[in-house]
């Protein structure tokens, strides 16, 4: 190879190596799109807009929310996985799309660990078991006793087959040695409607979803399916405290970027979102909604994501749960 051609090749390699650093230094210079795989108005949308609005002030660029609902989060996940790894498309995901759905479908167009780069765990949402205010059950032990007295007869709602609320029920049944009648709904709203109407006797859901009814006193919380009590419900003991271990089923929201996004951009995003989540006003609003703010590092979130993927895969396989045809 002629010496001049070799020099050009070296220059090209150097420029290619320097490109991500230059890109990161200039980042962001235009609005950032945050995909949320749920309709507007829900708790995920609330968290995304609240935190995103503060990140806008920190980075100096708008965070545009794109609600892309469908297929238990798979549509939104696939859209982000196929996006350019430049930091301008992000995915605010719940546990389901990245740790449960992959075990229920064989045709997913994305691989969680291969196609995404973790940015940060944003919040945890405690799952609580609730009943109507006039239910004779005042604890998880009471509810379990009712199920033992009428095995396979007590209807218990979830937000759908394979949802976190469904898996929370499965864990409780295993720990307590009982069997409820699983009644899957298309979301929390119809499940709560039937709970209040007496068609079902129990339901497990995220605290932010249940907070209005809990505050109004029309439902009561029997236990938190979590490793610790929720700050907004300090008097509600965990299921483990009531004698039912291995029942933690917290939902959570995490921020992902497409794989191959430059580490410097991931670091800048992590720093901005951590500052936003820990902003006193933002943090208080998250806590008041019932969420538990987190904001960890990319490697911590990556390790946690892998653990969650493995953990829920075992539950799905053990229970033989498949996506409805």
Protein backbone atom coordinates (compact mmCIF):
# COMPACT_ATOMS: atom_id res chain seq x y z
CA UNK A 1 0.00 0.00 0.00
CA UNK A 2 1.42 3.44 -0.92
CA UNK A 3 2.49 5.52 2.07
CA UNK A 4 0.02 8.28 1.24
CA UNK A 5 -2.84 5.76 1.17
CA UNK A 6 -1.73 4.28 4.49
CA UNK A 7 -1.73 7.78 6.00
CA UNK A 8 -5.26 8.39 4.70
CA UNK A 9 -6.39 5.11 6.21
CA UNK A 10 -4.90 6.07 9.58
CA UNK A 11 -6.57 9.48 9.44
CA UNK A 12 -9.91 7.83 8.61
CA UNK A 13 -9.57 5.48 11.59
CA UNK A 14 -8.72 8.36 13.90
CA UNK A 15 -11.68 10.39 12.68
CA UNK A 16 -13.99 7.41 13.13
CA UNK A 17 -12.75 6.88 16.68
CA UNK A 18 -13.15 10.56 17.50
CA UNK A 19 -16.66 10.86 16.03
CA UNK A 20 -18.55 9.53 19.11
CA UNK A 21 -16.63 11.89 21.40
CA UNK A 22 -17.41 14.87 19.18
CA UNK A 23 -21.03 13.75 18.96
CA UNK A 24 -21.30 13.43 22.73
CA UNK A 25 -19.68 16.82 23.29
CA UNK A 26 -22.31 18.43 21.06
CA UNK A 27 -25.17 16.41 22.57
CA UNK A 28 -27.99 17.32 22.72
CA UNK A 29 -28.51 19.90 20.01
CA UNK A 30 -32.12 19.05 19.19
CA UNK A 31 -35.23 17.69 20.99
CA UNK A 32 -35.15 14.18 22.46
CA UNK A 33 -37.99 11.73 21.88
CA UNK A 34 -39.09 9.60 24.86
CA UNK A 35 -41.28 6.65 23.87
CA UNK A 36 -43.81 5.46 26.47
CA UNK A 37 -45.67 2.25 25.65
CA UNK A 38 -48.91 3.33 27.33
CA UNK A 39 -51.68 5.86 26.54
CA UNK A 40 -51.55 9.43 27.89
CA UNK A 41 -52.85 10.04 31.39
CA UNK A 42 -51.58 6.89 33.11
CA UNK A 43 -48.91 6.64 35.82
CA UNK A 44 -46.07 5.88 33.37
CA UNK A 45 -47.05 8.91 31.30
CA UNK A 46 -47.23 11.04 34.45
CA UNK A 47 -43.72 10.04 35.53
CA UNK A 48 -42.30 10.53 32.02
CA UNK A 49 -43.76 14.01 31.62
CA UNK A 50 -42.86 15.12 35.15
CA UNK A 51 -39.23 13.99 34.96
CA UNK A 52 -38.87 14.90 31.28
CA UNK A 53 -39.97 18.47 31.92
CA UNK A 54 -37.16 18.88 34.46
CA UNK A 55 -34.61 17.19 32.18
CA UNK A 56 -35.51 19.81 29.56
CA UNK A 57 -34.28 22.52 31.93
CA UNK A 58 -31.08 20.59 32.64
CA UNK A 59 -30.13 19.69 29.05
CA UNK A 60 -31.63 22.73 27.35
CA UNK A 61 -33.65 20.63 24.91
CA UNK A 62 -37.29 19.55 24.91
CA UNK A 63 -38.22 15.98 25.84
CA UNK A 64 -41.02 15.04 23.45
CA UNK A 65 -43.27 12.27 24.79
CA UNK A 66 -44.49 9.75 22.21
CA UNK A 67 -47.19 7.41 23.54
CA UNK A 68 -46.90 4.19 21.57
CA UNK A 69 -49.21 1.70 23.26
CA UNK A 70 -49.83 -1.90 22.25
CA UNK A 71 -48.73 -5.52 22.56
CA UNK A 72 -47.87 -5.22 26.28
CA UNK A 73 -45.19 -2.64 25.53
CA UNK A 74 -43.62 -4.54 22.63
CA UNK A 75 -44.57 -1.94 20.00
CA UNK A 76 -42.83 0.86 21.85
CA UNK A 77 -39.82 -1.30 22.67
CA UNK A 78 -39.39 -2.40 19.06
CA UNK A 79 -39.59 1.20 17.80
CA UNK A 80 -36.78 2.27 20.12
CA UNK A 81 -34.65 -0.82 19.43
CA UNK A 82 -34.71 0.05 15.72
CA UNK A 83 -33.89 3.74 16.27
CA UNK A 84 -30.52 5.36 15.66
CA UNK A 85 -28.19 4.98 18.68
CA UNK A 86 -27.58 8.71 18.99
CA UNK A 87 -29.34 9.55 22.25
CA UNK A 88 -32.32 11.21 20.57
CA UNK A 89 -34.73 8.29 21.09
CA UNK A 90 -35.29 6.86 24.57
CA UNK A 91 -37.65 4.27 26.05
CA UNK A 92 -39.32 4.75 29.42
CA UNK A 93 -40.40 1.18 30.08
CA UNK A 94 -42.19 -0.72 32.78
CA UNK A 95 -41.15 -4.12 34.06
CA UNK A 96 -43.54 -5.94 31.73
CA UNK A 97 -42.19 -5.09 28.29
CA UNK A 98 -38.59 -5.98 29.10
CA UNK A 99 -38.75 -8.67 31.81
CA UNK A 100 -42.07 -10.52 31.38
CA UNK A 101 -43.26 -10.24 27.77
CA UNK A 102 -39.99 -11.70 26.38
CA UNK A 103 -40.81 -14.97 28.16
CA UNK A 104 -44.40 -15.13 26.92
CA UNK A 105 -43.72 -14.65 23.22
CA UNK A 106 -41.41 -16.41 20.80
CA UNK A 107 -41.80 -13.84 18.04
CA UNK A 108 -40.52 -10.67 19.72
CA UNK A 109 -38.60 -8.54 17.21
CA UNK A 110 -36.13 -7.37 19.86
CA UNK A 111 -33.78 -8.87 22.42
CA UNK A 112 -33.72 -6.91 25.67
CA UNK A 113 -30.07 -7.43 26.60
CA UNK A 114 -28.79 -7.16 23.02
CA UNK A 115 -30.84 -4.24 21.67
CA UNK A 116 -30.92 -1.78 24.57
CA UNK A 117 -28.45 0.23 26.63
CA UNK A 118 -29.54 0.88 30.24
CA UNK A 119 -29.58 4.51 31.38
CA UNK A 120 -31.22 4.50 34.82
CA UNK A 121 -33.91 2.94 36.96
CA UNK A 122 -36.37 5.81 37.45
CA UNK A 123 -38.92 4.67 40.05
CA UNK A 124 -40.24 1.60 41.81
CA UNK A 125 -43.98 1.15 42.21
CA UNK A 126 -45.07 -0.94 45.17
CA UNK A 127 -47.70 -3.58 44.38
CA UNK A 128 -50.39 -3.79 47.07
CA UNK A 129 -53.22 -6.24 47.60
CA UNK A 130 -56.54 -4.45 48.08
CA UNK A 131 -60.15 -5.35 48.86
CA UNK A 132 -63.38 -3.38 49.24
CA UNK A 133 -63.71 -1.34 52.42
CA UNK A 134 -66.51 -3.64 53.66
CA UNK A 135 -64.56 -6.86 53.07
CA UNK A 136 -64.22 -9.07 56.16
CA UNK A 137 -60.51 -9.43 55.35
CA UNK A 138 -58.27 -6.99 57.21
CA UNK A 139 -54.94 -8.67 56.47
CA UNK A 140 -53.38 -11.03 53.97
CA UNK A 141 -53.81 -13.84 56.50
CA UNK A 142 -57.55 -13.12 56.56
CA UNK A 143 -57.73 -13.23 52.76
CA UNK A 144 -55.74 -16.47 52.67
CA UNK A 145 -58.04 -17.99 55.30
CA UNK A 146 -61.04 -17.09 53.14
CA UNK A 147 -59.38 -18.77 50.13
CA UNK A 148 -58.64 -21.90 52.16
CA UNK A 149 -62.24 -22.07 53.32
CA UNK A 150 -63.45 -21.83 49.71
CA UNK A 151 -60.62 -23.21 47.55
CA UNK A 152 -60.81 -22.15 43.89
CA UNK A 153 -63.92 -20.05 44.47
CA UNK A 154 -62.80 -16.53 45.39
CA UNK A 155 -62.36 -14.30 42.29
CA UNK A 156 -59.21 -12.19 42.25
CA UNK A 157 -58.61 -9.56 39.55
CA UNK A 158 -55.49 -8.67 37.57
CA UNK A 159 -54.75 -6.23 34.77
CA UNK A 160 -54.26 -9.06 32.29
CA UNK A 161 -52.57 -12.39 31.72
CA UNK A 162 -48.83 -12.01 32.29
CA UNK A 163 -49.14 -8.59 33.92
CA UNK A 164 -47.23 -7.77 37.09
CA UNK A 165 -50.52 -7.94 38.98
CA UNK A 166 -51.15 -11.45 37.63
CA UNK A 167 -47.67 -12.62 38.61
CA UNK A 168 -48.10 -11.03 42.04
CA UNK A 169 -51.20 -13.21 42.48
CA UNK A 170 -49.28 -16.31 41.36
CA UNK A 171 -46.52 -15.63 43.90
CA UNK A 172 -49.07 -15.14 46.69
CA UNK A 173 -50.86 -18.39 45.80
CA UNK A 174 -47.58 -20.29 45.89
CA UNK A 175 -46.46 -18.76 49.19
CA UNK A 176 -49.82 -19.28 50.87
CA UNK A 177 -50.70 -22.64 49.34
CA UNK A 178 -54.09 -21.45 48.12
CA UNK A 179 -55.95 -21.06 44.85
CA UNK A 180 -57.98 -18.03 43.83
CA UNK A 181 -59.97 -17.68 40.62
CA UNK A 182 -57.85 -15.46 38.39
CA UNK A 183 -59.97 -12.89 36.53
CA UNK A 184 -57.85 -10.95 34.00
CA UNK A 185 -59.01 -7.51 32.85
CA UNK A 186 -57.77 -5.09 30.22
CA UNK A 187 -56.24 -2.63 32.65
CA UNK A 188 -56.71 -1.40 36.19
CA UNK A 189 -59.84 0.72 35.62
CA UNK A 190 -62.24 -2.15 34.78
CA UNK A 191 -60.64 -4.34 37.45
CA UNK A 192 -61.28 -1.67 40.09
CA UNK A 193 -64.82 -1.12 38.81
CA UNK A 194 -65.64 -4.80 39.31
CA UNK A 195 -63.88 -4.87 42.68
CA UNK A 196 -66.08 -2.02 43.88
CA UNK A 197 -69.11 -3.71 42.35
CA UNK A 198 -68.41 -6.97 44.17
CA UNK A 199 -67.75 -9.09 41.07
CA UNK A 200 -64.24 -9.83 42.37
CA UNK A 201 -63.03 -9.85 45.97
CA UNK A 202 -59.39 -8.94 45.61
CA UNK A 203 -56.99 -7.07 43.35
CA UNK A 204 -53.27 -6.29 43.40
CA UNK A 205 -52.06 -3.09 41.75
CA UNK A 206 -49.46 -0.35 41.78
CA UNK A 207 -49.81 2.24 44.55
CA UNK A 208 -49.98 5.20 42.10
CA UNK A 209 -52.94 3.56 40.34
CA UNK A 210 -54.77 2.80 43.59
CA UNK A 211 -53.94 5.96 45.55
CA UNK A 212 -57.15 7.90 44.70
CA UNK A 213 -59.38 5.04 45.92
CA UNK A 214 -57.18 4.38 48.95
CA UNK A 215 -57.24 8.07 49.88
CA UNK A 216 -61.01 8.16 49.46
CA UNK A 217 -61.33 5.11 51.72
CA UNK A 218 -63.40 3.05 49.29
CA UNK A 219 -60.82 0.27 49.22
CA UNK A 220 -58.34 -0.90 51.85
CA UNK A 221 -54.82 -2.22 51.45
CA UNK A 222 -54.07 -5.56 53.09
CA UNK A 223 -50.39 -5.90 52.28
CA UNK A 224 -47.52 -4.71 50.12
CA UNK A 225 -46.02 -7.27 47.74
CA UNK A 226 -42.67 -5.61 48.16
CA UNK A 227 -39.38 -5.83 49.99
CA UNK A 228 -40.30 -2.81 52.07
CA UNK A 229 -43.29 -0.70 53.01
CA UNK A 230 -44.33 2.13 50.73
CA UNK A 231 -43.64 5.63 52.16
CA UNK A 232 -47.23 6.68 51.39
CA UNK A 233 -48.63 3.60 53.15
CA UNK A 234 -46.35 3.20 56.17
CA UNK A 235 -48.98 1.26 58.14
CA UNK A 236 -49.48 -1.38 55.46
CA UNK A 237 -47.11 -4.30 56.20
CA UNK A 238 -45.42 -6.29 53.48
CA UNK A 239 -46.60 -9.79 52.63
CA UNK A 240 -43.29 -11.12 53.96
CA UNK A 241 -43.94 -9.41 57.30
CA UNK A 242 -47.26 -11.26 57.41
CA UNK A 243 -45.62 -14.63 56.87
CA UNK A 244 -45.60 -14.95 53.08
CA UNK A 245 -42.00 -14.66 51.79
CA UNK A 246 -40.85 -14.60 48.15
CA UNK A 247 -43.83 -12.51 47.12
CA UNK A 248 -42.09 -9.26 46.14
CA UNK A 249 -43.50 -8.10 42.82
CA UNK A 250 -42.80 -4.39 42.58
CA UNK A 251 -43.40 -2.83 39.21
CA UNK A 252 -40.76 -0.35 38.08
CA UNK A 253 -40.03 2.18 35.35
CA UNK A 254 -36.61 2.34 33.75
CA UNK A 255 -34.98 4.38 30.99
CA UNK A 256 -33.33 2.61 28.06
CA UNK A 257 -31.59 3.80 24.90
CA UNK A 258 -30.84 1.84 21.72
CA UNK A 259 -27.79 -0.41 21.96
CA UNK A 260 -24.53 1.12 20.73
CA UNK A 261 -25.46 4.56 22.02
CA UNK A 262 -22.07 6.15 22.88
CA UNK A 263 -21.16 5.71 26.57
CA UNK A 264 -20.52 9.45 26.91
CA UNK A 265 -24.09 10.18 25.83
CA UNK A 266 -25.44 7.51 28.20
CA UNK A 267 -23.44 9.14 31.01
CA UNK A 268 -24.81 12.59 30.15
CA UNK A 269 -28.38 11.26 30.10
CA UNK A 270 -27.86 9.42 33.37
CA UNK A 271 -26.58 12.56 35.04
CA UNK A 272 -29.46 14.69 33.73
CA UNK A 273 -32.17 12.22 34.73
CA UNK A 274 -30.63 11.66 38.17
CA UNK A 275 -30.64 15.41 38.79
CA UNK A 276 -34.25 15.62 37.62
CA UNK A 277 -35.46 12.68 39.74
CA UNK A 278 -33.68 14.04 42.81
CA UNK A 279 -34.91 17.60 42.30
CA UNK A 280 -36.83 18.35 45.54
CA UNK A 281 -40.05 19.37 43.78
CA UNK A 282 -40.00 16.47 41.31
CA UNK A 283 -39.06 13.96 44.00
CA UNK A 284 -41.87 15.08 46.27
CA UNK A 285 -44.43 14.84 43.45
CA UNK A 286 -43.24 11.32 42.67
CA UNK A 287 -43.54 10.30 46.33
CA UNK A 288 -46.97 11.91 46.66
CA UNK A 289 -48.14 9.90 43.65
CA UNK A 290 -47.09 6.71 45.43
CA UNK A 291 -43.93 6.04 43.42
CA UNK A 292 -40.51 5.50 45.01
CA UNK A 293 -37.76 7.52 43.24
CA UNK A 294 -34.53 5.66 42.46
CA UNK A 295 -32.01 7.11 39.95
CA UNK A 296 -29.11 4.63 39.83
CA UNK A 297 -26.13 4.20 37.49
CA UNK A 298 -26.28 2.48 34.07
CA UNK A 299 -24.26 -0.54 35.23
CA UNK A 300 -26.49 -0.94 38.30
CA UNK A 301 -29.64 -0.76 36.22
CA UNK A 302 -28.15 -3.18 33.67
CA UNK A 303 -27.41 -5.73 36.40
CA UNK A 304 -30.88 -5.27 37.88
CA UNK A 305 -32.53 -5.64 34.46
CA UNK A 306 -30.72 -8.92 33.83
CA UNK A 307 -31.73 -10.22 37.26
CA UNK A 308 -35.38 -9.26 36.68
CA UNK A 309 -35.39 -10.89 33.25
CA UNK A 310 -34.11 -14.13 34.78
CA UNK A 311 -36.37 -13.98 37.83
CA UNK A 312 -39.64 -13.42 36.00
CA UNK A 313 -38.68 -15.93 33.33
CA UNK A 314 -38.60 -18.62 36.01
CA UNK A 315 -42.04 -17.60 37.28
CA UNK A 316 -43.59 -17.52 33.80
CA UNK A 317 -42.18 -20.93 32.92
CA UNK A 318 -43.08 -22.51 36.26
CA UNK A 319 -46.69 -21.32 35.96
CA UNK A 320 -46.96 -22.08 32.26
CA UNK A 321 -48.16 -18.53 31.49
CA UNK A 322 -48.56 -17.72 27.80
CA UNK A 323 -49.82 -14.67 25.98
CA UNK A 324 -53.52 -15.08 25.10
CA UNK A 325 -53.97 -16.17 21.49
